N, C-alpha and C. Protein backbone atom coordinates (compact mmCIF):
# COMPACT_ATOMS: atom_id res chain seq x y z
N MET A 1 -7.57 16.21 32.84
CA MET A 1 -8.44 15.20 32.25
C MET A 1 -8.17 13.84 32.91
N ALA A 2 -9.22 13.09 33.13
CA ALA A 2 -9.09 11.76 33.72
C ALA A 2 -8.39 10.82 32.74
N LYS A 3 -7.88 9.73 33.28
CA LYS A 3 -7.20 8.75 32.43
C LYS A 3 -8.17 8.21 31.38
N ILE A 4 -7.68 8.08 30.17
CA ILE A 4 -8.49 7.55 29.07
C ILE A 4 -8.42 6.03 29.12
N THR A 5 -9.59 5.38 29.08
CA THR A 5 -9.68 3.92 29.11
C THR A 5 -10.46 3.45 27.89
N LYS A 6 -10.63 2.14 27.77
CA LYS A 6 -11.35 1.59 26.62
C LYS A 6 -12.81 2.02 26.59
N THR A 7 -13.34 2.49 27.73
CA THR A 7 -14.75 2.91 27.76
C THR A 7 -14.93 4.43 27.61
N THR A 8 -13.85 5.15 27.39
CA THR A 8 -13.93 6.60 27.19
C THR A 8 -14.49 6.87 25.79
N THR A 9 -15.42 7.81 25.72
CA THR A 9 -16.03 8.14 24.41
C THR A 9 -15.08 9.02 23.59
N LEU A 10 -15.28 8.98 22.29
CA LEU A 10 -14.48 9.83 21.40
C LEU A 10 -14.71 11.30 21.72
N GLU A 11 -15.90 11.65 22.13
CA GLU A 11 -16.20 13.03 22.48
C GLU A 11 -15.27 13.51 23.60
N LYS A 12 -15.11 12.69 24.65
CA LYS A 12 -14.23 13.06 25.77
C LYS A 12 -12.76 13.06 25.33
N ILE A 13 -12.38 12.08 24.54
CA ILE A 13 -10.99 11.98 24.08
C ILE A 13 -10.61 13.21 23.26
N LEU A 14 -11.51 13.67 22.41
CA LEU A 14 -11.20 14.79 21.54
C LEU A 14 -11.13 16.13 22.27
N GLU A 15 -11.48 16.14 23.55
CA GLU A 15 -11.30 17.34 24.37
C GLU A 15 -9.81 17.55 24.68
N LYS A 16 -9.05 16.48 24.57
CA LYS A 16 -7.62 16.54 24.87
C LYS A 16 -6.86 17.11 23.67
N LYS A 17 -5.95 18.01 23.96
CA LYS A 17 -5.14 18.61 22.91
C LYS A 17 -4.33 17.53 22.18
N SER A 18 -4.30 17.58 20.90
CA SER A 18 -3.57 16.67 20.01
C SER A 18 -4.13 15.25 19.95
N ALA A 19 -5.27 14.99 20.58
CA ALA A 19 -5.87 13.65 20.53
C ALA A 19 -6.25 13.28 19.10
N ASP A 20 -6.75 14.26 18.34
CA ASP A 20 -7.13 13.97 16.96
C ASP A 20 -5.94 13.50 16.14
N GLU A 21 -4.77 14.09 16.38
CA GLU A 21 -3.56 13.68 15.66
C GLU A 21 -3.17 12.25 16.01
N ILE A 22 -3.27 11.90 17.29
CA ILE A 22 -2.93 10.55 17.75
C ILE A 22 -3.89 9.53 17.14
N LEU A 23 -5.17 9.83 17.17
CA LEU A 23 -6.17 8.91 16.61
C LEU A 23 -5.96 8.73 15.11
N GLU A 24 -5.74 9.83 14.43
CA GLU A 24 -5.52 9.78 12.97
C GLU A 24 -4.28 8.96 12.63
N LYS A 25 -3.19 9.21 13.35
CA LYS A 25 -1.93 8.51 13.12
C LYS A 25 -2.09 6.99 13.31
N ASN A 26 -2.99 6.60 14.21
CA ASN A 26 -3.19 5.19 14.50
C ASN A 26 -4.32 4.55 13.69
N GLY A 27 -4.83 5.29 12.69
CA GLY A 27 -5.78 4.71 11.75
C GLY A 27 -7.23 4.70 12.20
N VAL A 28 -7.59 5.49 13.20
CA VAL A 28 -9.00 5.56 13.62
C VAL A 28 -9.77 6.31 12.54
N PRO A 29 -10.67 5.62 11.82
CA PRO A 29 -11.35 6.22 10.67
C PRO A 29 -12.50 7.16 11.04
N CYS A 30 -12.92 7.16 12.28
CA CYS A 30 -14.10 7.91 12.70
C CYS A 30 -13.99 9.42 12.47
N LEU A 31 -12.78 9.95 12.52
CA LEU A 31 -12.61 11.39 12.42
C LEU A 31 -13.07 11.96 11.08
N SER A 32 -12.99 11.14 10.04
CA SER A 32 -13.39 11.61 8.72
C SER A 32 -14.78 11.11 8.31
N CYS A 33 -15.45 10.41 9.22
CA CYS A 33 -16.77 9.86 8.91
C CYS A 33 -17.86 10.90 9.18
N PRO A 34 -18.73 11.13 8.20
CA PRO A 34 -19.78 12.12 8.40
C PRO A 34 -20.78 11.73 9.50
N MET A 35 -20.89 10.46 9.82
CA MET A 35 -21.81 10.00 10.86
C MET A 35 -21.27 10.25 12.27
N MET A 36 -19.98 10.56 12.37
CA MET A 36 -19.37 10.73 13.68
C MET A 36 -20.10 11.77 14.52
N GLN A 37 -20.53 12.86 13.91
CA GLN A 37 -21.19 13.91 14.68
C GLN A 37 -22.44 13.42 15.40
N PHE A 38 -23.07 12.37 14.88
CA PHE A 38 -24.27 11.83 15.51
C PHE A 38 -23.96 10.78 16.57
N GLU A 39 -22.75 10.22 16.54
CA GLU A 39 -22.40 9.12 17.43
C GLU A 39 -21.25 9.42 18.38
N ILE A 40 -20.63 10.57 18.25
CA ILE A 40 -19.39 10.87 18.98
C ILE A 40 -19.54 10.71 20.50
N ASP A 41 -20.73 10.99 21.03
CA ASP A 41 -20.93 10.88 22.47
C ASP A 41 -21.23 9.46 22.92
N LYS A 42 -21.37 8.53 21.95
CA LYS A 42 -21.65 7.13 22.28
C LYS A 42 -20.50 6.18 21.92
N LEU A 43 -19.68 6.59 20.96
CA LEU A 43 -18.59 5.72 20.50
C LEU A 43 -17.47 5.64 21.54
N LYS A 44 -17.21 4.43 22.00
CA LYS A 44 -16.13 4.21 22.96
C LYS A 44 -14.89 3.75 22.20
N ILE A 45 -13.74 4.24 22.61
CA ILE A 45 -12.50 3.93 21.89
C ILE A 45 -12.24 2.43 21.82
N GLY A 46 -12.58 1.70 22.86
CA GLY A 46 -12.40 0.24 22.85
C GLY A 46 -13.22 -0.43 21.77
N ASP A 47 -14.47 0.02 21.61
CA ASP A 47 -15.35 -0.55 20.58
C ASP A 47 -14.86 -0.20 19.18
N VAL A 48 -14.40 1.04 19.01
CA VAL A 48 -13.88 1.47 17.71
C VAL A 48 -12.66 0.63 17.32
N CYS A 49 -11.75 0.43 18.27
CA CYS A 49 -10.54 -0.37 17.99
C CYS A 49 -10.91 -1.81 17.64
N LYS A 50 -11.86 -2.36 18.35
CA LYS A 50 -12.29 -3.74 18.09
C LYS A 50 -12.92 -3.84 16.69
N MET A 51 -13.77 -2.86 16.36
CA MET A 51 -14.45 -2.85 15.05
C MET A 51 -13.47 -2.81 13.89
N TYR A 52 -12.40 -2.03 14.06
CA TYR A 52 -11.46 -1.81 12.95
C TYR A 52 -10.13 -2.55 13.11
N GLY A 53 -10.02 -3.39 14.14
CA GLY A 53 -8.81 -4.18 14.33
C GLY A 53 -7.59 -3.33 14.66
N LEU A 54 -7.79 -2.27 15.46
CA LEU A 54 -6.70 -1.37 15.82
C LEU A 54 -6.11 -1.76 17.17
N ASN A 55 -4.87 -1.34 17.41
CA ASN A 55 -4.16 -1.67 18.64
C ASN A 55 -4.59 -0.75 19.78
N LEU A 56 -5.55 -1.18 20.56
CA LEU A 56 -6.11 -0.38 21.65
C LEU A 56 -5.05 0.02 22.67
N GLU A 57 -4.23 -0.93 23.09
CA GLU A 57 -3.23 -0.64 24.12
C GLU A 57 -2.27 0.46 23.67
N LYS A 58 -1.84 0.40 22.42
CA LYS A 58 -0.91 1.40 21.88
C LYS A 58 -1.57 2.78 21.85
N ILE A 59 -2.81 2.82 21.40
CA ILE A 59 -3.54 4.08 21.31
C ILE A 59 -3.75 4.67 22.71
N LEU A 60 -4.18 3.85 23.67
CA LEU A 60 -4.40 4.33 25.05
C LEU A 60 -3.10 4.86 25.64
N LYS A 61 -2.00 4.15 25.39
CA LYS A 61 -0.71 4.58 25.93
C LYS A 61 -0.35 5.97 25.40
N GLU A 62 -0.53 6.17 24.10
CA GLU A 62 -0.21 7.47 23.50
C GLU A 62 -1.15 8.57 23.99
N LEU A 63 -2.43 8.26 24.11
CA LEU A 63 -3.40 9.26 24.55
C LEU A 63 -3.17 9.68 26.00
N ASN A 64 -2.67 8.76 26.82
CA ASN A 64 -2.49 9.05 28.24
C ASN A 64 -1.11 9.60 28.60
N LYS A 65 -0.28 9.87 27.59
CA LYS A 65 1.05 10.45 27.85
C LYS A 65 0.92 11.83 28.43
């Protein structure tokens, strides 16, 4: 998988094993949102972090381990 950046969509991120656990642990609320299925291919992790005040750098570091 290519390096995950702030412009990577949640759809691509969730292809990575254990990505859902990392996102959940860091407070990304999208995983439990019923609207996610309609937006997953458009939602970029950078935008989600900005919307919810989450630490993008920390999340990217964990996802790219």
